[in-house]
Each structure stands twice: as structure tokens, then as C-alpha cells.
Amino acid sequence: MGKIYYVMGKSSSGKDTIYKHLLARHSRLHTTVPYTTRPVREGECDGVEYHFVDEMRLKEMRSAGKIIEERSYNTKCGIWTYFTADDGQIDLEQYDYLMIGTLESYNALRKYFGNNILVPLYIEVEDGERLTRALAREKEQEHPRYAEMCRRYLADEIDFSEDNLKQAGIARRFENKDLSECLAEIESYLGL
């Protein structure tokens, strides 16, 4: 039976970069493409980072019983929903997977697939460094959304609280001060 290695962490912790490096370095790891109703950011492509869908498509998939987990956020730009669908992308009989998401989505997938399938990879970065990274990333956008950046930053303090991490069984953490060291630590932990 395959495993799902699940990368998560607060906004601007480097989880997307770590995720991409692990995929590039370990071709045996398969991936899935999650879904969202949020707008496409600059540099993103439909079907790569996410399947970008509208509310009508989300409702159709929900009605068909295809949603494994979903989360909706009342952002400064409207309600955005992120979700994982049972759409044939996951075949644990044959493959191991690398996925990325939130603590909430990790818990929902763990409930759906089982504790023995999900392996958490929680990425940490000092809060001041995260805020610096988030601001730099937002400044690069054609239309920066600073209020949304701040909302995400504050929401992460609640979502990834020590109590929530403990309830999810997250004991192992990977500090992303130096990308190469963090990747090496994760690879050693997973036996890659």
C-alpha cells in the first residue's frame, strides 16, 4: 500500500518550494492536482498548481459525491474554496504520493485514507522571516493584495496553533532556514 507524504506549513514557510524540489528529485513520487475557486495568480497554470473551477463546477462535484475534503475562506477578495476530489488521481495500490495543503485538509485526508497512509511533513519558519517573504512575494504581483496577505498570516496563527498540531499528531517538524538542509532532513526522514 502506498503512502501520501503531506507537506504543510504556514503561509510563506517555503512549502511550495520544498514540494517542487522533492517532486523534481524523486520521480517515484506521484502527485495530484487540487481544486480551487480562487483566481489564478500570476505564473500559475490551470491543471498544474490547481484545477481552477467556478462555484457551479464545485456544486456539480459535491452533488456527485466526488469531494474528499473542502475548505472555504472568506477572504478580502470574496469566498475562496479549496478542495480535494476523488477523481481518479490517487491509486495507492501502485504509487506513493506527495501532496501539499493545510492542517485542516491533512486531517480530512487522514480520516478518509487512514492514519497509516498519511505522513505529515510540517515546515516551520520564524514568523518575522515568513512575513518578510510574504511581503516580497505580494509586491511582485501586478495587483498586490496586502489585506489578504495579512489575513492569511493571522489565520495561520490559529490554524497551526500548538493545540491543533498536537491534536493532528504532528510531532516532527522541519525548519526551513536553509533550503538544502531542510530538504536533506526530509529526504533522510522519508528514506528517499
N, C-alpha and C. Protein backbone atom coordinates (compact mmCIF):
# COMPACT_ATOMS: atom_id res chain seq x y z
N MET A 1 0.84 -1.18 0.00
CA MET A 1 0.00 0.00 0.00
C MET A 1 0.88 1.24 0.00
N GLY A 2 0.52 2.20 -0.83
CA GLY A 2 1.29 3.43 -0.94
C GLY A 2 1.09 4.36 0.24
N LYS A 3 1.89 5.40 0.28
CA LYS A 3 1.82 6.44 1.31
C LYS A 3 1.52 7.77 0.63
N ILE A 4 0.96 8.67 1.41
CA ILE A 4 0.78 10.06 0.99
C ILE A 4 1.62 10.92 1.91
N TYR A 5 2.71 11.47 1.37
CA TYR A 5 3.57 12.38 2.12
C TYR A 5 2.97 13.77 1.96
N TYR A 6 2.57 14.38 3.09
CA TYR A 6 1.76 15.59 3.05
C TYR A 6 2.52 16.79 3.58
N VAL A 7 2.90 17.70 2.68
CA VAL A 7 3.65 18.91 3.02
C VAL A 7 2.67 20.00 3.46
N MET A 8 2.95 20.59 4.61
CA MET A 8 2.10 21.68 5.10
C MET A 8 2.92 22.62 5.96
N GLY A 9 2.38 23.80 6.14
CA GLY A 9 3.03 24.81 6.96
C GLY A 9 2.32 26.13 6.77
N LYS A 10 2.69 27.08 7.58
CA LYS A 10 2.08 28.40 7.49
C LYS A 10 2.45 29.06 6.16
N SER A 11 1.69 30.07 5.79
CA SER A 11 1.95 30.83 4.57
C SER A 11 3.38 31.36 4.56
N SER A 12 4.03 31.23 3.42
CA SER A 12 5.40 31.71 3.20
C SER A 12 6.45 30.96 4.01
N SER A 13 6.15 29.71 4.36
CA SER A 13 7.14 28.87 5.06
C SER A 13 8.06 28.17 4.07
N GLY A 14 7.75 28.27 2.78
CA GLY A 14 8.57 27.61 1.76
C GLY A 14 8.04 26.26 1.36
N LYS A 15 6.83 25.92 1.77
CA LYS A 15 6.29 24.59 1.49
C LYS A 15 6.15 24.32 -0.01
N ASP A 16 5.75 25.33 -0.79
CA ASP A 16 5.63 25.13 -2.24
C ASP A 16 7.00 24.83 -2.87
N THR A 17 8.02 25.54 -2.44
CA THR A 17 9.37 25.32 -2.97
C THR A 17 9.86 23.93 -2.58
N ILE A 18 9.66 23.55 -1.34
CA ILE A 18 10.08 22.21 -0.88
C ILE A 18 9.33 21.13 -1.65
N TYR A 19 8.05 21.31 -1.81
CA TYR A 19 7.22 20.38 -2.57
C TYR A 19 7.78 20.20 -3.99
N LYS A 20 8.05 21.31 -4.68
CA LYS A 20 8.55 21.25 -6.06
C LYS A 20 9.92 20.57 -6.14
N HIS A 21 10.79 20.87 -5.18
CA HIS A 21 12.13 20.23 -5.17
C HIS A 21 12.02 18.73 -4.94
N LEU A 22 11.17 18.32 -4.01
CA LEU A 22 11.02 16.89 -3.75
C LEU A 22 10.48 16.16 -4.98
N LEU A 23 9.53 16.76 -5.65
CA LEU A 23 9.00 16.13 -6.87
C LEU A 23 10.06 16.03 -7.95
N ALA A 24 10.84 17.08 -8.12
CA ALA A 24 11.88 17.09 -9.16
C ALA A 24 12.98 16.07 -8.86
N ARG A 25 13.27 15.85 -7.60
CA ARG A 25 14.37 14.97 -7.21
C ARG A 25 13.97 13.51 -7.05
N HIS A 26 12.66 13.23 -6.93
CA HIS A 26 12.21 11.86 -6.65
C HIS A 26 11.05 11.50 -7.57
N SER A 27 11.38 10.99 -8.73
CA SER A 27 10.38 10.73 -9.77
C SER A 27 9.39 9.62 -9.38
N ARG A 28 9.72 8.84 -8.37
CA ARG A 28 8.79 7.78 -7.95
C ARG A 28 7.58 8.34 -7.21
N LEU A 29 7.69 9.57 -6.75
CA LEU A 29 6.57 10.21 -6.05
C LEU A 29 5.59 10.77 -7.08
N HIS A 30 4.35 10.39 -6.94
CA HIS A 30 3.30 10.91 -7.80
C HIS A 30 2.60 12.04 -7.08
N THR A 31 1.82 12.78 -7.82
CA THR A 31 1.12 13.90 -7.22
C THR A 31 -0.31 13.99 -7.73
N THR A 32 -1.06 14.82 -7.07
CA THR A 32 -2.42 15.12 -7.50
C THR A 32 -2.52 16.62 -7.68
N VAL A 33 -3.50 17.06 -8.38
CA VAL A 33 -3.74 18.49 -8.55
C VAL A 33 -5.03 18.82 -7.80
N PRO A 34 -4.93 19.64 -6.75
CA PRO A 34 -6.13 20.01 -6.01
C PRO A 34 -6.97 21.02 -6.81
N TYR A 35 -8.10 21.36 -6.26
CA TYR A 35 -9.03 22.28 -6.90
C TYR A 35 -9.19 23.54 -6.06
N THR A 36 -9.52 24.65 -6.74
CA THR A 36 -9.84 25.89 -6.03
C THR A 36 -10.78 26.74 -6.87
N THR A 37 -11.55 27.57 -6.17
CA THR A 37 -12.39 28.55 -6.84
C THR A 37 -11.75 29.93 -6.84
N ARG A 38 -10.55 30.05 -6.24
CA ARG A 38 -9.90 31.36 -6.21
C ARG A 38 -9.34 31.70 -7.58
N PRO A 39 -9.08 33.00 -7.83
CA PRO A 39 -8.50 33.40 -9.12
C PRO A 39 -7.07 32.88 -9.29
N VAL A 40 -6.67 32.72 -10.52
CA VAL A 40 -5.31 32.30 -10.85
C VAL A 40 -4.36 33.45 -10.51
N ARG A 41 -3.24 33.11 -9.84
CA ARG A 41 -2.20 34.11 -9.58
C ARG A 41 -1.25 34.16 -10.76
N GLU A 42 -0.51 35.24 -10.87
CA GLU A 42 0.49 35.36 -11.93
C GLU A 42 1.47 34.20 -11.83
N GLY A 43 1.75 33.58 -12.97
CA GLY A 43 2.70 32.48 -13.01
C GLY A 43 2.08 31.11 -12.80
N GLU A 44 0.81 31.05 -12.40
CA GLU A 44 0.13 29.77 -12.20
C GLU A 44 -0.54 29.33 -13.50
N CYS A 45 -0.67 28.02 -13.65
CA CYS A 45 -1.33 27.45 -14.82
C CYS A 45 -2.41 26.49 -14.37
N ASP A 46 -3.57 26.56 -15.01
CA ASP A 46 -4.66 25.64 -14.69
C ASP A 46 -4.19 24.21 -14.93
N GLY A 47 -4.46 23.34 -13.95
CA GLY A 47 -4.07 21.94 -14.06
C GLY A 47 -2.66 21.66 -13.56
N VAL A 48 -1.95 22.68 -13.15
CA VAL A 48 -0.59 22.49 -12.61
C VAL A 48 -0.63 22.69 -11.10
N GLU A 49 -0.74 23.94 -10.64
CA GLU A 49 -0.84 24.19 -9.20
C GLU A 49 -2.21 23.76 -8.68
N TYR A 50 -3.25 24.11 -9.44
CA TYR A 50 -4.63 23.78 -9.09
C TYR A 50 -5.43 23.57 -10.37
N HIS A 51 -6.58 22.93 -10.20
CA HIS A 51 -7.64 22.98 -11.20
C HIS A 51 -8.48 24.18 -10.75
N PHE A 52 -8.50 25.23 -11.55
CA PHE A 52 -9.27 26.42 -11.21
C PHE A 52 -10.68 26.26 -11.74
N VAL A 53 -11.64 26.20 -10.83
CA VAL A 53 -13.03 25.94 -11.21
C VAL A 53 -13.93 27.03 -10.63
N ASP A 54 -15.14 27.12 -11.17
CA ASP A 54 -16.10 28.07 -10.65
C ASP A 54 -17.03 27.38 -9.65
N GLU A 55 -17.89 28.16 -9.01
CA GLU A 55 -18.80 27.63 -8.00
C GLU A 55 -19.73 26.55 -8.57
N MET A 56 -20.15 26.71 -9.84
CA MET A 56 -21.03 25.74 -10.47
C MET A 56 -20.36 24.37 -10.56
N ARG A 57 -19.10 24.34 -10.95
CA ARG A 57 -18.37 23.06 -11.05
C ARG A 57 -18.19 22.45 -9.67
N LEU A 58 -17.89 23.25 -8.66
CA LEU A 58 -17.78 22.75 -7.29
C LEU A 58 -19.10 22.10 -6.85
N LYS A 59 -20.20 22.75 -7.11
CA LYS A 59 -21.51 22.21 -6.73
C LYS A 59 -21.80 20.90 -7.46
N GLU A 60 -21.44 20.82 -8.73
CA GLU A 60 -21.63 19.58 -9.50
C GLU A 60 -20.85 18.43 -8.89
N MET A 61 -19.58 18.68 -8.55
CA MET A 61 -18.73 17.65 -7.97
C MET A 61 -19.22 17.25 -6.58
N ARG A 62 -19.68 18.23 -5.81
CA ARG A 62 -20.22 17.95 -4.48
C ARG A 62 -21.47 17.06 -4.61
N SER A 63 -22.35 17.40 -5.53
CA SER A 63 -23.58 16.62 -5.75
C SER A 63 -23.28 15.20 -6.20
N ALA A 64 -22.19 15.03 -6.94
CA ALA A 64 -21.80 13.71 -7.44
C ALA A 64 -21.04 12.90 -6.38
N GLY A 65 -20.81 13.47 -5.18
CA GLY A 65 -20.11 12.77 -4.11
C GLY A 65 -18.62 12.62 -4.37
N LYS A 66 -18.04 13.56 -5.12
CA LYS A 66 -16.63 13.47 -5.51
C LYS A 66 -15.68 14.24 -4.60
N ILE A 67 -16.18 14.94 -3.60
CA ILE A 67 -15.33 15.77 -2.75
C ILE A 67 -14.84 14.96 -1.55
N ILE A 68 -13.52 14.85 -1.41
CA ILE A 68 -12.92 14.18 -0.25
C ILE A 68 -12.88 15.15 0.92
N GLU A 69 -12.45 16.37 0.65
CA GLU A 69 -12.38 17.41 1.67
C GLU A 69 -12.48 18.75 0.98
N GLU A 70 -13.02 19.72 1.73
CA GLU A 70 -13.07 21.09 1.21
C GLU A 70 -13.00 22.10 2.33
N ARG A 71 -12.44 23.25 2.00
CA ARG A 71 -12.30 24.35 2.95
C ARG A 71 -12.65 25.63 2.23
N SER A 72 -13.46 26.47 2.85
CA SER A 72 -13.81 27.76 2.27
C SER A 72 -13.31 28.86 3.19
N TYR A 73 -12.77 29.91 2.57
CA TYR A 73 -12.22 31.03 3.32
C TYR A 73 -12.90 32.31 2.86
N ASN A 74 -13.38 33.10 3.80
CA ASN A 74 -13.96 34.39 3.48
C ASN A 74 -12.82 35.39 3.43
N THR A 75 -12.25 35.55 2.26
CA THR A 75 -11.06 36.40 2.08
C THR A 75 -11.47 37.84 1.84
N LYS A 76 -10.49 38.71 1.78
CA LYS A 76 -10.73 40.11 1.46
C LYS A 76 -11.18 40.27 0.00
N CYS A 77 -11.07 39.20 -0.78
CA CYS A 77 -11.42 39.22 -2.20
C CYS A 77 -12.65 38.36 -2.50
N GLY A 78 -13.34 37.90 -1.48
CA GLY A 78 -14.50 37.04 -1.67
C GLY A 78 -14.26 35.67 -1.07
N ILE A 79 -15.25 34.78 -1.19
CA ILE A 79 -15.11 33.42 -0.65
C ILE A 79 -14.37 32.55 -1.65
N TRP A 80 -13.29 31.95 -1.18
CA TRP A 80 -12.49 31.03 -1.99
C TRP A 80 -12.57 29.65 -1.36
N THR A 81 -12.83 28.65 -2.18
CA THR A 81 -12.90 27.27 -1.71
C THR A 81 -11.76 26.47 -2.32
N TYR A 82 -11.12 25.67 -1.48
CA TYR A 82 -10.07 24.74 -1.91
C TYR A 82 -10.58 23.34 -1.60
N PHE A 83 -10.31 22.38 -2.48
CA PHE A 83 -10.79 21.03 -2.20
C PHE A 83 -9.99 19.97 -2.92
N THR A 84 -10.10 18.75 -2.38
CA THR A 84 -9.52 17.56 -2.98
C THR A 84 -10.67 16.69 -3.43
N ALA A 85 -10.56 16.18 -4.65
CA ALA A 85 -11.65 15.39 -5.21
C ALA A 85 -11.22 13.95 -5.42
N ASP A 86 -12.19 13.06 -5.28
CA ASP A 86 -11.99 11.65 -5.63
C ASP A 86 -12.28 11.54 -7.13
N ASP A 87 -11.27 11.89 -7.91
CA ASP A 87 -11.43 11.99 -9.36
C ASP A 87 -10.51 11.03 -10.12
N GLY A 88 -10.02 10.01 -9.42
CA GLY A 88 -9.17 9.01 -10.07
C GLY A 88 -7.68 9.32 -10.07
N GLN A 89 -7.28 10.41 -9.45
CA GLN A 89 -5.86 10.77 -9.45
C GLN A 89 -5.03 9.91 -8.49
N ILE A 90 -5.65 9.32 -7.47
CA ILE A 90 -4.91 8.60 -6.43
C ILE A 90 -5.12 7.09 -6.57
N ASP A 91 -4.00 6.36 -6.72
CA ASP A 91 -4.01 4.90 -6.79
C ASP A 91 -2.96 4.38 -5.82
N LEU A 92 -3.36 4.19 -4.57
CA LEU A 92 -2.43 3.78 -3.52
C LEU A 92 -1.99 2.33 -3.64
N GLU A 93 -2.62 1.57 -4.48
CA GLU A 93 -2.18 0.18 -4.72
C GLU A 93 -0.85 0.16 -5.48
N GLN A 94 -0.58 1.22 -6.22
CA GLN A 94 0.62 1.24 -7.06
C GLN A 94 1.65 2.31 -6.71
N TYR A 95 1.21 3.42 -6.11
CA TYR A 95 2.12 4.57 -6.02
C TYR A 95 2.13 5.20 -4.63
N ASP A 96 3.24 5.92 -4.37
CA ASP A 96 3.34 6.85 -3.25
C ASP A 96 3.08 8.24 -3.82
N TYR A 97 2.53 9.13 -2.99
CA TYR A 97 2.17 10.47 -3.44
C TYR A 97 2.80 11.53 -2.56
N LEU A 98 3.04 12.68 -3.18
CA LEU A 98 3.45 13.88 -2.46
C LEU A 98 2.33 14.89 -2.68
N MET A 99 1.78 15.37 -1.58
CA MET A 99 0.69 16.36 -1.65
C MET A 99 1.04 17.54 -0.76
N ILE A 100 0.33 18.63 -0.97
CA ILE A 100 0.56 19.85 -0.21
C ILE A 100 -0.78 20.45 0.18
N GLY A 101 -0.85 21.01 1.39
CA GLY A 101 -2.10 21.61 1.82
C GLY A 101 -2.03 22.18 3.21
N THR A 102 -3.18 22.26 3.83
CA THR A 102 -3.32 22.84 5.16
C THR A 102 -3.45 21.74 6.21
N LEU A 103 -3.39 22.12 7.45
CA LEU A 103 -3.59 21.16 8.53
C LEU A 103 -5.02 20.61 8.49
N GLU A 104 -5.96 21.46 8.17
CA GLU A 104 -7.36 21.02 8.05
C GLU A 104 -7.51 19.97 6.94
N SER A 105 -6.90 20.22 5.80
CA SER A 105 -7.00 19.24 4.70
C SER A 105 -6.26 17.95 5.04
N TYR A 106 -5.13 18.08 5.72
CA TYR A 106 -4.39 16.89 6.17
C TYR A 106 -5.29 16.02 7.06
N ASN A 107 -5.95 16.65 8.02
CA ASN A 107 -6.83 15.90 8.93
C ASN A 107 -7.97 15.21 8.17
N ALA A 108 -8.55 15.89 7.20
CA ALA A 108 -9.65 15.30 6.41
C ALA A 108 -9.15 14.13 5.57
N LEU A 109 -7.98 14.27 4.96
CA LEU A 109 -7.42 13.17 4.16
C LEU A 109 -7.02 12.00 5.04
N ARG A 110 -6.52 12.29 6.20
CA ARG A 110 -6.15 11.23 7.15
C ARG A 110 -7.39 10.45 7.57
N LYS A 111 -8.49 11.16 7.77
CA LYS A 111 -9.75 10.50 8.11
C LYS A 111 -10.25 9.65 6.94
N TYR A 112 -10.10 10.14 5.72
CA TYR A 112 -10.58 9.46 4.52
C TYR A 112 -9.74 8.23 4.19
N PHE A 113 -8.38 8.39 4.23
CA PHE A 113 -7.49 7.31 3.81
C PHE A 113 -6.95 6.47 4.97
N GLY A 114 -6.90 7.03 6.18
CA GLY A 114 -6.38 6.32 7.33
C GLY A 114 -5.06 6.88 7.82
N ASN A 115 -4.82 6.73 9.14
CA ASN A 115 -3.60 7.25 9.76
C ASN A 115 -2.34 6.63 9.20
N ASN A 116 -2.41 5.38 8.81
CA ASN A 116 -1.20 4.69 8.35
C ASN A 116 -0.79 5.09 6.93
N ILE A 117 -1.64 5.81 6.22
CA ILE A 117 -1.34 6.22 4.84
C ILE A 117 -0.71 7.62 4.80
N LEU A 118 -1.19 8.53 5.64
CA LEU A 118 -0.72 9.92 5.62
C LEU A 118 0.52 10.10 6.47
N VAL A 119 1.56 10.71 5.88
CA VAL A 119 2.80 11.02 6.59
C VAL A 119 2.97 12.54 6.56
N PRO A 120 2.84 13.22 7.72
CA PRO A 120 2.93 14.68 7.73
C PRO A 120 4.36 15.19 7.61
N LEU A 121 4.53 16.24 6.80
CA LEU A 121 5.80 16.95 6.67
C LEU A 121 5.51 18.42 6.98
N TYR A 122 5.65 18.78 8.26
CA TYR A 122 5.30 20.12 8.71
C TYR A 122 6.53 21.02 8.63
N ILE A 123 6.42 22.09 7.81
CA ILE A 123 7.53 23.02 7.56
C ILE A 123 7.35 24.25 8.45
N GLU A 124 8.43 24.64 9.12
CA GLU A 124 8.40 25.81 10.01
C GLU A 124 9.42 26.85 9.57
N VAL A 125 9.06 28.11 9.77
CA VAL A 125 9.96 29.25 9.57
C VAL A 125 9.61 30.28 10.62
N GLU A 126 10.60 30.98 11.13
CA GLU A 126 10.39 32.02 12.13
C GLU A 126 9.40 33.05 11.57
N ASP A 127 8.47 33.52 12.41
CA ASP A 127 7.37 34.37 11.96
C ASP A 127 7.82 35.64 11.25
N GLY A 128 8.84 36.30 11.74
CA GLY A 128 9.33 37.53 11.08
C GLY A 128 9.83 37.24 9.67
N GLU A 129 10.52 36.14 9.51
CA GLU A 129 11.02 35.74 8.18
C GLU A 129 9.85 35.41 7.26
N ARG A 130 8.83 34.75 7.78
CA ARG A 130 7.65 34.44 6.97
C ARG A 130 6.98 35.71 6.46
N LEU A 131 6.84 36.70 7.34
CA LEU A 131 6.20 37.95 6.96
C LEU A 131 7.03 38.68 5.90
N THR A 132 8.33 38.66 6.04
CA THR A 132 9.22 39.28 5.04
C THR A 132 9.05 38.60 3.69
N ARG A 133 9.03 37.27 3.68
CA ARG A 133 8.85 36.52 2.44
C ARG A 133 7.49 36.80 1.81
N ALA A 134 6.45 36.85 2.63
CA ALA A 134 5.09 37.08 2.13
C ALA A 134 4.99 38.46 1.47
N LEU A 135 5.56 39.46 2.12
CA LEU A 135 5.52 40.81 1.58
C LEU A 135 6.28 40.90 0.26
N ALA A 136 7.44 40.28 0.18
CA ALA A 136 8.21 40.28 -1.06
C ALA A 136 7.44 39.61 -2.19
N ARG A 137 6.78 38.49 -1.90
CA ARG A 137 6.01 37.78 -2.92
C ARG A 137 4.83 38.63 -3.38
N GLU A 138 4.16 39.29 -2.45
CA GLU A 138 2.99 40.09 -2.80
C GLU A 138 3.37 41.30 -3.64
N LYS A 139 4.52 41.90 -3.35
CA LYS A 139 4.99 43.05 -4.11
C LYS A 139 5.23 42.71 -5.58
N GLU A 140 5.52 41.45 -5.87
CA GLU A 140 5.78 41.02 -7.25
C GLU A 140 4.51 40.87 -8.07
N GLN A 141 3.34 40.84 -7.41
CA GLN A 141 2.07 40.68 -8.11
C GLN A 141 1.69 41.97 -8.84
N GLU A 142 1.03 41.85 -9.97
CA GLU A 142 0.57 43.02 -10.71
C GLU A 142 -0.41 43.84 -9.87
N HIS A 143 -1.27 43.14 -9.13
CA HIS A 143 -2.24 43.77 -8.24
C HIS A 143 -2.07 43.18 -6.85
N PRO A 144 -1.12 43.71 -6.07
CA PRO A 144 -0.89 43.16 -4.73
C PRO A 144 -2.15 43.19 -3.87
N ARG A 145 -2.33 42.14 -3.08
CA ARG A 145 -3.48 42.03 -2.17
C ARG A 145 -2.93 41.96 -0.74
N TYR A 146 -2.50 43.10 -0.24
CA TYR A 146 -1.85 43.15 1.07
C TYR A 146 -2.81 42.77 2.20
N ALA A 147 -4.07 43.18 2.09
CA ALA A 147 -5.03 42.84 3.14
C ALA A 147 -5.22 41.34 3.22
N GLU A 148 -5.27 40.67 2.08
CA GLU A 148 -5.41 39.20 2.06
C GLU A 148 -4.15 38.54 2.61
N MET A 149 -2.99 39.10 2.29
CA MET A 149 -1.73 38.57 2.83
C MET A 149 -1.76 38.62 4.36
N CYS A 150 -2.23 39.73 4.91
CA CYS A 150 -2.30 39.88 6.36
C CYS A 150 -3.33 38.93 6.96
N ARG A 151 -4.46 38.75 6.29
CA ARG A 151 -5.49 37.83 6.78
C ARG A 151 -4.94 36.42 6.87
N ARG A 152 -4.23 35.99 5.80
CA ARG A 152 -3.65 34.63 5.80
C ARG A 152 -2.63 34.47 6.93
N TYR A 153 -1.80 35.47 7.10
CA TYR A 153 -0.77 35.43 8.14
C TYR A 153 -1.41 35.24 9.51
N LEU A 154 -2.43 36.03 9.81
CA LEU A 154 -3.10 35.94 11.11
C LEU A 154 -3.89 34.65 11.26
N ALA A 155 -4.53 34.21 10.19
CA ALA A 155 -5.31 32.96 10.25
C ALA A 155 -4.40 31.77 10.53
N ASP A 156 -3.19 31.80 9.99
CA ASP A 156 -2.25 30.70 10.22
C ASP A 156 -1.90 30.53 11.69
N GLU A 157 -1.89 31.63 12.43
CA GLU A 157 -1.58 31.56 13.87
C GLU A 157 -2.61 30.70 14.59
N ILE A 158 -3.85 30.76 14.14
CA ILE A 158 -4.92 29.95 14.72
C ILE A 158 -4.90 28.54 14.14
N ASP A 159 -4.86 28.47 12.81
CA ASP A 159 -4.95 27.17 12.13
C ASP A 159 -3.83 26.23 12.54
N PHE A 160 -2.62 26.76 12.68
CA PHE A 160 -1.45 25.94 13.03
C PHE A 160 -1.04 26.15 14.49
N SER A 161 -2.00 26.36 15.36
CA SER A 161 -1.70 26.53 16.78
C SER A 161 -1.07 25.24 17.32
N GLU A 162 -0.37 25.36 18.41
CA GLU A 162 0.25 24.18 19.03
C GLU A 162 -0.79 23.13 19.39
N ASP A 163 -1.96 23.57 19.88
CA ASP A 163 -3.02 22.62 20.21
C ASP A 163 -3.50 21.86 18.97
N ASN A 164 -3.69 22.59 17.86
CA ASN A 164 -4.14 21.94 16.63
C ASN A 164 -3.10 20.97 16.09
N LEU A 165 -1.83 21.35 16.17
CA LEU A 165 -0.76 20.46 15.71
C LEU A 165 -0.72 19.20 16.57
N LYS A 166 -0.88 19.37 17.86
CA LYS A 166 -0.87 18.22 18.78
C LYS A 166 -2.05 17.29 18.49
N GLN A 167 -3.24 17.86 18.30
CA GLN A 167 -4.43 17.05 18.01
C GLN A 167 -4.27 16.27 16.70
N ALA A 168 -3.53 16.83 15.75
CA ALA A 168 -3.32 16.17 14.46
C ALA A 168 -2.19 15.14 14.52
N GLY A 169 -1.53 15.06 15.67
CA GLY A 169 -0.43 14.10 15.81
C GLY A 169 0.85 14.55 15.15
N ILE A 170 1.01 15.86 14.95
CA ILE A 170 2.22 16.39 14.32
C ILE A 170 3.28 16.59 15.40
N ALA A 171 4.27 15.74 15.39
CA ALA A 171 5.36 15.85 16.35
C ALA A 171 6.65 16.29 15.65
N ARG A 172 6.89 15.72 14.48
CA ARG A 172 8.12 16.00 13.72
C ARG A 172 7.94 17.29 12.93
N ARG A 173 8.94 18.17 13.00
CA ARG A 173 8.91 19.45 12.29
C ARG A 173 10.21 19.62 11.53
N PHE A 174 10.10 20.33 10.42
CA PHE A 174 11.28 20.59 9.58
C PHE A 174 11.44 22.09 9.44
N GLU A 175 12.54 22.62 10.00
CA GLU A 175 12.77 24.05 9.97
C GLU A 175 13.42 24.44 8.65
N ASN A 176 12.84 25.42 7.98
CA ASN A 176 13.30 25.84 6.66
C ASN A 176 14.11 27.13 6.72
N LYS A 177 15.21 27.10 7.49
CA LYS A 177 16.15 28.23 7.50
C LYS A 177 17.01 28.17 6.24
N ASP A 178 17.48 26.98 5.93
CA ASP A 178 18.32 26.74 4.76
C ASP A 178 17.64 25.64 3.94
N LEU A 179 17.29 25.96 2.70
CA LEU A 179 16.52 25.04 1.88
C LEU A 179 17.23 23.70 1.69
N SER A 180 18.51 23.71 1.39
CA SER A 180 19.24 22.46 1.16
C SER A 180 19.24 21.56 2.39
N GLU A 181 19.47 22.17 3.55
CA GLU A 181 19.47 21.39 4.79
C GLU A 181 18.08 20.84 5.10
N CYS A 182 17.07 21.65 4.87
CA CYS A 182 15.70 21.21 5.14
C CYS A 182 15.33 20.04 4.22
N LEU A 183 15.66 20.14 2.95
CA LEU A 183 15.38 19.06 2.00
C LEU A 183 16.12 17.78 2.39
N ALA A 184 17.37 17.91 2.75
CA ALA A 184 18.16 16.74 3.16
C ALA A 184 17.55 16.07 4.39
N GLU A 185 17.09 16.87 5.33
CA GLU A 185 16.47 16.33 6.54
C GLU A 185 15.17 15.57 6.21
N ILE A 186 14.37 16.14 5.34
CA ILE A 186 13.12 15.48 4.92
C ILE A 186 13.42 14.18 4.19
N GLU A 187 14.36 14.22 3.27
CA GLU A 187 14.71 13.03 2.49
C GLU A 187 15.24 11.91 3.39
N SER A 188 16.04 12.28 4.36
CA SER A 188 16.55 11.29 5.31
C SER A 188 15.40 10.69 6.12
N TYR A 189 14.49 11.53 6.58
CA TYR A 189 13.34 11.09 7.36
C TYR A 189 12.46 10.11 6.57
N LEU A 190 12.30 10.38 5.28
CA LEU A 190 11.44 9.54 4.43
C LEU A 190 12.19 8.35 3.81
N GLY A 191 13.51 8.34 3.97
CA GLY A 191 14.31 7.26 3.38
C GLY A 191 14.41 7.38 1.87
N LEU A 192 14.42 8.61 1.37
CA LEU A 192 14.50 8.82 -0.08
C LEU A 192 15.94 8.97 -0.55
